[in-house]
Amino acid sequence: MRGFEIEELFICQCGDPSHQFIISADKETTEGACAFVSVHLNREHNVFKRIWTAIKYVFGTRCIYGDFDEVIINPNNADRLQKVVDFLKKHQE
């Protein structure tokens, strides 16, 4: 499998490595030039909360707002984000 032309790892300003995402971009995909965002989802360490989450999943109980976490992006990451945007603009169809 060929690697992506751009791969950038962003870790939250808080320093917690579980708050992270990776943006990968390539111009040679089946959809043309694309960027993919891979988000790390937090794991719950409390076993009882994990069991409760599993029970809610089995019965189809979902929050109407979806599941959220956050990543704080500081201004030092602006150039790396802009690199991905510039790449996509350059390869627009």
PDB file of N, CA and C in Angstrom:
ATOM      1  N   MET A   1       0.843  -1.169   0.000  1.00  0.00           N
ATOM      2  CA  MET A   1       0.000   0.000   0.000  1.00  0.00           C
ATOM      3  C   MET A   1       0.893   1.239   0.000  1.00  0.00           C
ATOM      4  N   ARG A   2       0.559   2.167  -0.849  1.00  0.00           N
ATOM      5  CA  ARG A   2       1.316   3.402  -0.980  1.00  0.00           C
ATOM      6  C   ARG A   2       0.980   4.346   0.159  1.00  0.00           C
ATOM      7  N   GLY A   3       1.975   5.084   0.645  1.00  0.00           N
ATOM      8  CA  GLY A   3       1.747   6.040   1.721  1.00  0.00           C
ATOM      9  C   GLY A   3       1.074   7.307   1.211  1.00  0.00           C
ATOM     10  N   PHE A   4       0.637   8.119   2.120  1.00  0.00           N
ATOM     11  CA  PHE A   4       0.000   9.393   1.785  1.00  0.00           C
ATOM     12  C   PHE A   4       1.063  10.446   1.505  1.00  0.00           C
ATOM     13  N   GLU A   5       0.698  11.446   0.704  1.00  0.00           N
ATOM     14  CA  GLU A   5       1.631  12.530   0.421  1.00  0.00           C
ATOM     15  C   GLU A   5       1.822  13.424   1.634  1.00  0.00           C
ATOM     16  N   ILE A   6       0.764  13.604   2.417  1.00  0.00           N
ATOM     17  CA  ILE A   6       0.842  14.418   3.620  1.00  0.00           C
ATOM     18  C   ILE A   6       0.257  13.606   4.769  1.00  0.00           C
ATOM     19  N   GLU A   7       0.971  13.558   5.882  1.00  0.00           N
ATOM     20  CA  GLU A   7       0.448  12.966   7.110  1.00  0.00           C
ATOM     21  C   GLU A   7       0.887  13.848   8.266  1.00  0.00           C
ATOM     22  N   GLU A   8      -0.081  14.365   8.978  1.00  0.00           N
ATOM     23  CA  GLU A   8       0.203  15.255  10.097  1.00  0.00           C
ATOM     24  C   GLU A   8      -0.511  14.746  11.349  1.00  0.00           C
ATOM     25  N   LEU A   9       0.232  14.608  12.424  1.00  0.00           N
ATOM     26  CA  LEU A   9      -0.318  14.200  13.709  1.00  0.00           C
ATOM     27  C   LEU A   9      -0.518  15.440  14.562  1.00  0.00           C
ATOM     28  N   PHE A  10      -1.715  15.580  15.109  1.00  0.00           N
ATOM     29  CA  PHE A  10      -2.039  16.704  15.985  1.00  0.00           C
ATOM     30  C   PHE A  10      -2.391  16.152  17.357  1.00  0.00           C
ATOM     31  N   ILE A  11      -1.697  16.645  18.377  1.00  0.00           N
ATOM     32  CA  ILE A  11      -1.982  16.258  19.751  1.00  0.00           C
ATOM     33  C   ILE A  11      -2.511  17.486  20.471  1.00  0.00           C
ATOM     34  N   CYS A  12      -3.511  17.288  21.272  1.00  0.00           N
ATOM     35  CA  CYS A  12      -4.185  18.370  21.985  1.00  0.00           C
ATOM     36  C   CYS A  12      -3.190  19.225  22.768  1.00  0.00           C
ATOM     37  N   GLN A  13      -3.508  20.494  22.868  1.00  0.00           N
ATOM     38  CA  GLN A  13      -2.677  21.426  23.615  1.00  0.00           C
ATOM     39  C   GLN A  13      -2.565  21.026  25.086  1.00  0.00           C
ATOM     40  N   CYS A  14      -3.556  20.298  25.582  1.00  0.00           N
ATOM     41  CA  CYS A  14      -3.516  19.865  26.983  1.00  0.00           C
ATOM     42  C   CYS A  14      -2.404  18.847  27.228  1.00  0.00           C
ATOM     43  N   GLY A  15      -1.868  18.251  26.155  1.00  0.00           N
ATOM     44  CA  GLY A  15      -0.770  17.301  26.279  1.00  0.00           C
ATOM     45  C   GLY A  15      -1.200  15.859  26.461  1.00  0.00           C
ATOM     46  N   ASP A  16      -2.482  15.599  26.533  1.00  0.00           N
ATOM     47  CA  ASP A  16      -2.976  14.234  26.699  1.00  0.00           C
ATOM     48  C   ASP A  16      -2.880  13.512  25.359  1.00  0.00           C
ATOM     49  N   PRO A  17      -2.055  12.462  25.254  1.00  0.00           N
ATOM     50  CA  PRO A  17      -1.906  11.780  23.964  1.00  0.00           C
ATOM     51  C   PRO A  17      -3.155  11.042  23.495  1.00  0.00           C
ATOM     52  N   SER A  18      -4.155  10.884  24.375  1.00  0.00           N
ATOM     53  CA  SER A  18      -5.395  10.262  23.905  1.00  0.00           C
ATOM     54  C   SER A  18      -6.271  11.272  23.171  1.00  0.00           C
ATOM     55  N   HIS A  19      -5.940  12.558  23.238  1.00  0.00           N
ATOM     56  CA  HIS A  19      -6.648  13.591  22.485  1.00  0.00           C
ATOM     57  C   HIS A  19      -5.812  13.904  21.254  1.00  0.00           C
ATOM     58  N   GLN A  20      -6.018  13.160  20.201  1.00  0.00           N
ATOM     59  CA  GLN A  20      -5.212  13.340  19.007  1.00  0.00           C
ATOM     60  C   GLN A  20      -5.989  12.991  17.748  1.00  0.00           C
ATOM     61  N   PHE A  21      -5.499  13.497  16.630  1.00  0.00           N
ATOM     62  CA  PHE A  21      -6.026  13.084  15.338  1.00  0.00           C
ATOM     63  C   PHE A  21      -4.925  13.204  14.305  1.00  0.00           C
ATOM     64  N   ILE A  22      -5.076  12.472  13.215  1.00  0.00           N
ATOM     65  CA  ILE A  22      -4.118  12.483  12.123  1.00  0.00           C
ATOM     66  C   ILE A  22      -4.857  12.898  10.864  1.00  0.00           C
ATOM     67  N   ILE A  23      -4.287  13.849  10.145  1.00  0.00           N
ATOM     68  CA  ILE A  23      -4.823  14.220   8.832  1.00  0.00           C
ATOM     69  C   ILE A  23      -3.868  13.671   7.786  1.00  0.00           C
ATOM     70  N   SER A  24      -4.407  12.855   6.888  1.00  0.00           N
ATOM     71  CA  SER A  24      -3.639  12.289   5.786  1.00  0.00           C
ATOM     72  C   SER A  24      -4.257  12.775   4.495  1.00  0.00           C
ATOM     73  N   ALA A  25      -3.429  13.159   3.532  1.00  0.00           N
ATOM     74  CA  ALA A  25      -3.947  13.654   2.260  1.00  0.00           C
ATOM     75  C   ALA A  25      -3.174  13.015   1.120  1.00  0.00           C
ATOM     76  N   ASP A  26      -3.898  12.757   0.042  1.00  0.00           N
ATOM     77  CA  ASP A  26      -3.293  12.168  -1.151  1.00  0.00           C
ATOM     78  C   ASP A  26      -4.093  12.604  -2.362  1.00  0.00           C
ATOM     79  N   LYS A  27      -3.431  12.733  -3.492  1.00  0.00           N
ATOM     80  CA  LYS A  27      -4.137  13.128  -4.707  1.00  0.00           C
ATOM     81  C   LYS A  27      -4.560  11.934  -5.542  1.00  0.00           C
ATOM     82  N   GLU A  28      -4.019  10.761  -5.271  1.00  0.00           N
ATOM     83  CA  GLU A  28      -4.308   9.579  -6.087  1.00  0.00           C
ATOM     84  C   GLU A  28      -5.213   8.609  -5.330  1.00  0.00           C
ATOM     85  N   THR A  29      -6.444   9.016  -5.100  1.00  0.00           N
ATOM     86  CA  THR A  29      -7.442   8.134  -4.509  1.00  0.00           C
ATOM     87  C   THR A  29      -8.552   7.938  -5.532  1.00  0.00           C
ATOM     88  N   THR A  30      -9.464   7.043  -5.247  1.00  0.00           N
ATOM     89  CA  THR A  30     -10.570   6.821  -6.189  1.00  0.00           C
ATOM     90  C   THR A  30     -11.479   8.033  -6.280  1.00  0.00           C
ATOM     91  N   GLU A  31     -11.466   8.887  -5.242  1.00  0.00           N
ATOM     92  CA  GLU A  31     -12.295  10.093  -5.243  1.00  0.00           C
ATOM     93  C   GLU A  31     -11.540  11.315  -5.742  1.00  0.00           C
ATOM     94  N   GLY A  32     -10.303  11.154  -6.180  1.00  0.00           N
ATOM     95  CA  GLY A  32      -9.457  12.292  -6.523  1.00  0.00           C
ATOM     96  C   GLY A  32      -8.677  12.710  -5.290  1.00  0.00           C
ATOM     97  N   ALA A  33      -8.300  13.974  -5.223  1.00  0.00           N
ATOM     98  CA  ALA A  33      -7.552  14.462  -4.063  1.00  0.00           C
ATOM     99  C   ALA A  33      -8.468  14.488  -2.847  1.00  0.00           C
ATOM    100  N   CYS A  34      -8.009  13.890  -1.761  1.00  0.00           N
ATOM    101  CA  CYS A  34      -8.816  13.797  -0.543  1.00  0.00           C
ATOM    102  C   CYS A  34      -7.939  13.937   0.686  1.00  0.00           C
ATOM    103  N   ALA A  35      -8.566  14.359   1.757  1.00  0.00           N
ATOM    104  CA  ALA A  35      -7.932  14.355   3.071  1.00  0.00           C
ATOM    105  C   ALA A  35      -8.755  13.448   3.975  1.00  0.00           C
ATOM    106  N   PHE A  36      -8.082  12.670   4.763  1.00  0.00           N
ATOM    107  CA  PHE A  36      -8.723  11.748   5.685  1.00  0.00           C
ATOM    108  C   PHE A  36      -8.347  12.156   7.099  1.00  0.00           C
ATOM    109  N   VAL A  37      -9.329  12.230   7.984  1.00  0.00           N
ATOM    110  CA  VAL A  37      -9.075  12.574   9.381  1.00  0.00           C
ATOM    111  C   VAL A  37      -9.317  11.316  10.212  1.00  0.00           C
ATOM    112  N   SER A  38      -8.268  10.858  10.875  1.00  0.00           N
ATOM    113  CA  SER A  38      -8.358   9.692  11.755  1.00  0.00           C
ATOM    114  C   SER A  38      -8.346  10.193  13.186  1.00  0.00           C
ATOM    115  N   VAL A  39      -9.419   9.914  13.902  1.00  0.00           N
ATOM    116  CA  VAL A  39      -9.593  10.445  15.252  1.00  0.00           C
ATOM    117  C   VAL A  39      -9.391   9.331  16.260  1.00  0.00           C
ATOM    118  N   HIS A  40      -8.623   9.616  17.287  1.00  0.00           N
ATOM    119  CA  HIS A  40      -8.454   8.663  18.391  1.00  0.00           C
ATOM    120  C   HIS A  40      -9.668   8.780  19.302  1.00  0.00           C
ATOM    121  N   LEU A  41     -10.301   7.666  19.592  1.00  0.00           N
ATOM    122  CA  LEU A  41     -11.452   7.657  20.495  1.00  0.00           C
ATOM    123  C   LEU A  41     -10.991   7.198  21.870  1.00  0.00           C
ATOM    124  N   ASN A  42     -11.384   7.955  22.878  1.00  0.00           N
ATOM    125  CA  ASN A  42     -10.983   7.628  24.247  1.00  0.00           C
ATOM    126  C   ASN A  42     -11.580   6.311  24.698  1.00  0.00           C
ATOM    127  N   ARG A  43     -10.804   5.564  25.443  1.00  0.00           N
ATOM    128  CA  ARG A  43     -11.302   4.348  26.088  1.00  0.00           C
ATOM    129  C   ARG A  43     -11.642   4.674  27.520  1.00  0.00           C
ATOM    130  N   GLU A  44     -12.700   4.112  27.982  1.00  0.00           N
ATOM    131  CA  GLU A  44     -13.082   4.269  29.385  1.00  0.00           C
ATOM    132  C   GLU A  44     -12.335   3.215  30.187  1.00  0.00           C
ATOM    133  N   HIS A  45     -11.646   3.617  31.245  1.00  0.00           N
ATOM    134  CA  HIS A  45     -10.868   2.669  32.039  1.00  0.00           C
ATOM    135  C   HIS A  45     -11.687   2.028  33.157  1.00  0.00           C
ATOM    136  N   ASN A  46     -12.781   2.662  33.549  1.00  0.00           N
ATOM    137  CA  ASN A  46     -13.635   2.114  34.592  1.00  0.00           C
ATOM    138  C   ASN A  46     -14.464   0.971  34.000  1.00  0.00           C
ATOM    139  N   VAL A  47     -14.294  -0.225  34.525  1.00  0.00           N
ATOM    140  CA  VAL A  47     -14.950  -1.402  33.962  1.00  0.00           C
ATOM    141  C   VAL A  47     -16.471  -1.299  34.039  1.00  0.00           C
ATOM    142  N   PHE A  48     -17.008  -0.689  35.079  1.00  0.00           N
ATOM    143  CA  PHE A  48     -18.459  -0.594  35.217  1.00  0.00           C
ATOM    144  C   PHE A  48     -19.051   0.373  34.179  1.00  0.00           C
ATOM    145  N   LYS A  49     -18.342   1.450  33.891  1.00  0.00           N
ATOM    146  CA  LYS A  49     -18.797   2.357  32.835  1.00  0.00           C
ATOM    147  C   LYS A  49     -18.729   1.686  31.472  1.00  0.00           C
ATOM    148  N   ARG A  50     -17.714   0.838  31.267  1.00  0.00           N
ATOM    149  CA  ARG A  50     -17.612   0.110  29.996  1.00  0.00           C
ATOM    150  C   ARG A  50     -18.760  -0.876  29.848  1.00  0.00           C
ATOM    151  N   ILE A  51     -19.113  -1.565  30.935  1.00  0.00           N
ATOM    152  CA  ILE A  51     -20.239  -2.508  30.891  1.00  0.00           C
ATOM    153  C   ILE A  51     -21.532  -1.745  30.630  1.00  0.00           C
ATOM    154  N   TRP A  52     -21.727  -0.610  31.298  1.00  0.00           N
ATOM    155  CA  TRP A  52     -22.932   0.198  31.102  1.00  0.00           C
ATOM    156  C   TRP A  52     -23.013   0.683  29.649  1.00  0.00           C
ATOM    157  N   THR A  53     -21.898   1.107  29.079  1.00  0.00           N
ATOM    158  CA  THR A  53     -21.859   1.541  27.685  1.00  0.00           C
ATOM    159  C   THR A  53     -22.210   0.373  26.762  1.00  0.00           C
ATOM    160  N   ALA A  54     -21.704  -0.820  27.067  1.00  0.00           N
ATOM    161  CA  ALA A  54     -22.004  -2.000  26.250  1.00  0.00           C
ATOM    162  C   ALA A  54     -23.488  -2.349  26.306  1.00  0.00           C
ATOM    163  N   ILE A  55     -24.077  -2.253  27.485  1.00  0.00           N
ATOM    164  CA  ILE A  55     -25.510  -2.545  27.626  1.00  0.00           C
ATOM    165  C   ILE A  55     -26.329  -1.546  26.811  1.00  0.00           C
ATOM    166  N   LYS A  56     -25.976  -0.268  26.910  1.00  0.00           N
ATOM    167  CA  LYS A  56     -26.700   0.745  26.132  1.00  0.00           C
ATOM    168  C   LYS A  56     -26.531   0.492  24.635  1.00  0.00           C
ATOM    169  N   TYR A  57     -25.338   0.047  24.219  1.00  0.00           N
ATOM    170  CA  TYR A  57     -25.100  -0.253  22.800  1.00  0.00           C
ATOM    171  C   TYR A  57     -25.977  -1.416  22.339  1.00  0.00           C
ATOM    172  N   VAL A  58     -26.044  -2.466  23.134  1.00  0.00           N
ATOM    173  CA  VAL A  58     -26.834  -3.649  22.773  1.00  0.00           C
ATOM    174  C   VAL A  58     -28.301  -3.287  22.590  1.00  0.00           C
ATOM    175  N   PHE A  59     -28.809  -2.402  23.431  1.00  0.00           N
ATOM    176  CA  PHE A  59     -30.210  -2.012  23.335  1.00  0.00           C
ATOM    177  C   PHE A  59     -30.447  -0.813  22.429  1.00  0.00           C
ATOM    178  N   GLY A  60     -29.407  -0.356  21.753  1.00  0.00           N
ATOM    179  CA  GLY A  60     -29.559   0.707  20.763  1.00  0.00           C
ATOM    180  C   GLY A  60     -29.750   2.096  21.342  1.00  0.00           C
ATOM    181  N   THR A  61     -29.413   2.284  22.606  1.00  0.00           N
ATOM    182  CA  THR A  61     -29.548   3.597  23.224  1.00  0.00           C
ATOM    183  C   THR A  61     -28.388   4.476  22.789  1.00  0.00           C
ATOM    184  N   ARG A  62     -28.722   5.596  22.175  1.00  0.00           N
ATOM    185  CA  ARG A  62     -27.692   6.528  21.704  1.00  0.00           C
ATOM    186  C   ARG A  62     -28.057   7.929  22.162  1.00  0.00           C
ATOM    187  N   CYS A  63     -27.062   8.726  22.367  1.00  0.00           N
ATOM    188  CA  CYS A  63     -27.291  10.131  22.665  1.00  0.00           C
ATOM    189  C   CYS A  63     -27.725  10.807  21.372  1.00  0.00           C
ATOM    190  N   ILE A  64     -28.724  11.659  21.427  1.00  0.00           N
ATOM    191  CA  ILE A  64     -29.206  12.306  20.204  1.00  0.00           C
ATOM    192  C   ILE A  64     -28.169  13.255  19.625  1.00  0.00           C
ATOM    193  N   TYR A  65     -27.187  13.644  20.418  1.00  0.00           N
ATOM    194  CA  TYR A  65     -26.153  14.568  19.950  1.00  0.00           C
ATOM    195  C   TYR A  65     -24.913  13.853  19.428  1.00  0.00           C
ATOM    196  N   GLY A  66     -24.854  12.541  19.553  1.00  0.00           N
ATOM    197  CA  GLY A  66     -23.680  11.791  19.112  1.00  0.00           C
ATOM    198  C   GLY A  66     -22.640  11.697  20.216  1.00  0.00           C
ATOM    199  N   ASP A  67     -21.493  11.167  19.872  1.00  0.00           N
ATOM    200  CA  ASP A  67     -20.396  11.007  20.821  1.00  0.00           C
ATOM    201  C   ASP A  67     -19.323  12.030  20.492  1.00  0.00           C
ATOM    202  N   PHE A  68     -18.871  12.749  21.500  1.00  0.00           N
ATOM    203  CA  PHE A  68     -17.915  13.822  21.275  1.00  0.00           C
ATOM    204  C   PHE A  68     -16.730  13.725  22.218  1.00  0.00           C
ATOM    205  N   ASP A  69     -15.639  14.233  21.776  1.00  0.00           N
ATOM    206  CA  ASP A  69     -14.490  14.557  22.593  1.00  0.00           C
ATOM    207  C   ASP A  69     -13.910  15.791  21.941  1.00  0.00           C
ATOM    208  N   GLU A  70     -12.797  16.251  22.373  1.00  0.00           N
ATOM    209  CA  GLU A  70     -12.271  17.476  21.794  1.00  0.00           C
ATOM    210  C   GLU A  70     -10.757  17.428  21.697  1.00  0.00           C
ATOM    211  N   VAL A  71     -10.245  18.234  20.789  1.00  0.00           N
ATOM    212  CA  VAL A  71      -8.817  18.458  20.640  1.00  0.00           C
ATOM    213  C   VAL A  71      -8.622  19.964  20.559  1.00  0.00           C
ATOM    214  N   ILE A  72      -7.771  20.498  21.400  1.00  0.00           N
ATOM    215  CA  ILE A  72      -7.476  21.928  21.373  1.00  0.00           C
ATOM    216  C   ILE A  72      -6.300  22.141  20.435  1.00  0.00           C
ATOM    217  N   ILE A  73      -6.537  22.884  19.369  1.00  0.00           N
ATOM    218  CA  ILE A  73      -5.483  23.162  18.387  1.00  0.00           C
ATOM    219  C   ILE A  73      -4.953  24.558  18.665  1.00  0.00           C
ATOM    220  N   ASN A  74      -3.666  24.656  18.959  1.00  0.00           N
ATOM    221  CA  ASN A  74      -3.102  25.965  19.241  1.00  0.00           C
ATOM    222  C   ASN A  74      -2.548  26.596  17.959  1.00  0.00           C
ATOM    223  N   PRO A  75      -2.250  27.885  17.980  1.00  0.00           N
ATOM    224  CA  PRO A  75      -1.778  28.579  16.779  1.00  0.00           C
ATOM    225  C   PRO A  75      -0.486  28.001  16.181  1.00  0.00           C
ATOM    226  N   ASN A  76       0.282  27.273  16.965  1.00  0.00           N
ATOM    227  CA  ASN A  76       1.509  26.663  16.433  1.00  0.00           C
ATOM    228  C   ASN A  76       1.213  25.616  15.368  1.00  0.00           C
ATOM    229  N   ASN A  77       0.000  25.089  15.348  1.00  0.00           N
ATOM    230  CA  ASN A  77      -0.384  24.065  14.372  1.00  0.00           C
ATOM    231  C   ASN A  77      -1.004  24.649  13.108  1.00  0.00           C
ATOM    232  N   ALA A  78      -1.175  25.955  13.052  1.00  0.00           N
ATOM    233  CA  ALA A  78      -1.846  26.588  11.913  1.00  0.00           C
ATOM    234  C   ALA A  78      -1.137  26.299  10.594  1.00  0.00           C
ATOM    235  N   ASP A  79       0.181  26.325  10.583  1.00  0.00           N
ATOM    236  CA  ASP A  79       0.920  26.081   9.337  1.00  0.00           C
ATOM    237  C   ASP A  79       0.710  24.661   8.830  1.00  0.00           C
ATOM    238  N   ARG A  80       0.658  23.697   9.739  1.00  0.00           N
ATOM    239  CA  ARG A  80       0.436  22.311   9.317  1.00  0.00           C
ATOM    240  C   ARG A  80      -0.975  22.104   8.795  1.00  0.00           C
ATOM    241  N   LEU A  81      -1.960  22.756   9.418  1.00  0.00           N
ATOM    242  CA  LEU A  81      -3.332  22.688   8.898  1.00  0.00           C
ATOM    243  C   LEU A  81      -3.424  23.364   7.537  1.00  0.00           C
ATOM    244  N   GLN A  82      -2.751  24.502   7.412  1.00  0.00           N
ATOM    245  CA  GLN A  82      -2.765  25.234   6.146  1.00  0.00           C
ATOM    246  C   GLN A  82      -2.113  24.427   5.034  1.00  0.00           C
ATOM    247  N   LYS A  83      -1.106  23.630   5.369  1.00  0.00           N
ATOM    248  CA  LYS A  83      -0.439  22.776   4.376  1.00  0.00           C
ATOM    249  C   LYS A  83      -1.434  21.801   3.751  1.00  0.00           C
ATOM    250  N   VAL A  84      -2.308  21.225   4.572  1.00  0.00           N
ATOM    251  CA  VAL A  84      -3.322  20.294   4.062  1.00  0.00           C
ATOM    252  C   VAL A  84      -4.329  21.038   3.183  1.00  0.00           C
ATOM    253  N   VAL A  85      -4.781  22.208   3.634  1.00  0.00           N
ATOM    254  CA  VAL A  85      -5.740  23.003   2.862  1.00  0.00           C
ATOM    255  C   VAL A  85      -5.134  23.409   1.519  1.00  0.00           C
ATOM    256  N   ASP A  86      -3.891  23.867   1.528  1.00  0.00           N
ATOM    257  CA  ASP A  86      -3.220  24.264   0.282  1.00  0.00           C
ATOM    258  C   ASP A  86      -3.078  23.083  -0.673  1.00  0.00           C
ATOM    259  N   PHE A  87      -2.779  21.905  -0.130  1.00  0.00           N
ATOM    260  CA  PHE A  87      -2.668  20.705  -0.954  1.00  0.00           C
ATOM    261  C   PHE A  87      -3.991  20.399  -1.651  1.00  0.00           C
ATOM    262  N   LEU A  88      -5.097  20.472  -0.898  1.00  0.00           N
ATOM    263  CA  LEU A  88      -6.403  20.181  -1.479  1.00  0.00           C
ATOM    264  C   LEU A  88      -6.791  21.228  -2.517  1.00  0.00           C
ATOM    265  N   LYS A  89      -6.508  22.481  -2.247  1.00  0.00           N
ATOM    266  CA  LYS A  89      -6.824  23.552  -3.219  1.00  0.00           C
ATOM    267  C   LYS A  89      -6.017  23.373  -4.501  1.00  0.00           C
ATOM    268  N   LYS A  90      -4.770  22.968  -4.355  1.00  0.00           N
ATOM    269  CA  LYS A  90      -3.893  22.785  -5.516  1.00  0.00           C
ATOM    270  C   LYS A  90      -4.410  21.674  -6.430  1.00  0.00           C
ATOM    271  N   HIS A  91      -5.026  20.661  -5.846  1.00  0.00           N
ATOM    272  CA  HIS A  91      -5.482  19.491  -6.614  1.00  0.00           C
ATOM    273  C   HIS A  91      -6.993  19.468  -6.819  1.00  0.00           C
ATOM    274  N   GLN A  92      -7.642  20.634  -6.763  1.00  0.00           N
ATOM    275  CA  GLN A  92      -9.084  20.692  -7.039  1.00  0.00           C
ATOM    276  C   GLN A  92      -9.347  20.313  -8.490  1.00  0.00           C
ATOM    277  N   GLU A  93     -10.488  19.682  -8.685  1.00  0.00           N
ATOM    278  CA  GLU A  93     -10.867  19.339 -10.072  1.00  0.00           C
ATOM    279  C   GLU A  93     -11.671  20.437 -10.684  1.00  0.00           C
TER     280      GLU A  93
END
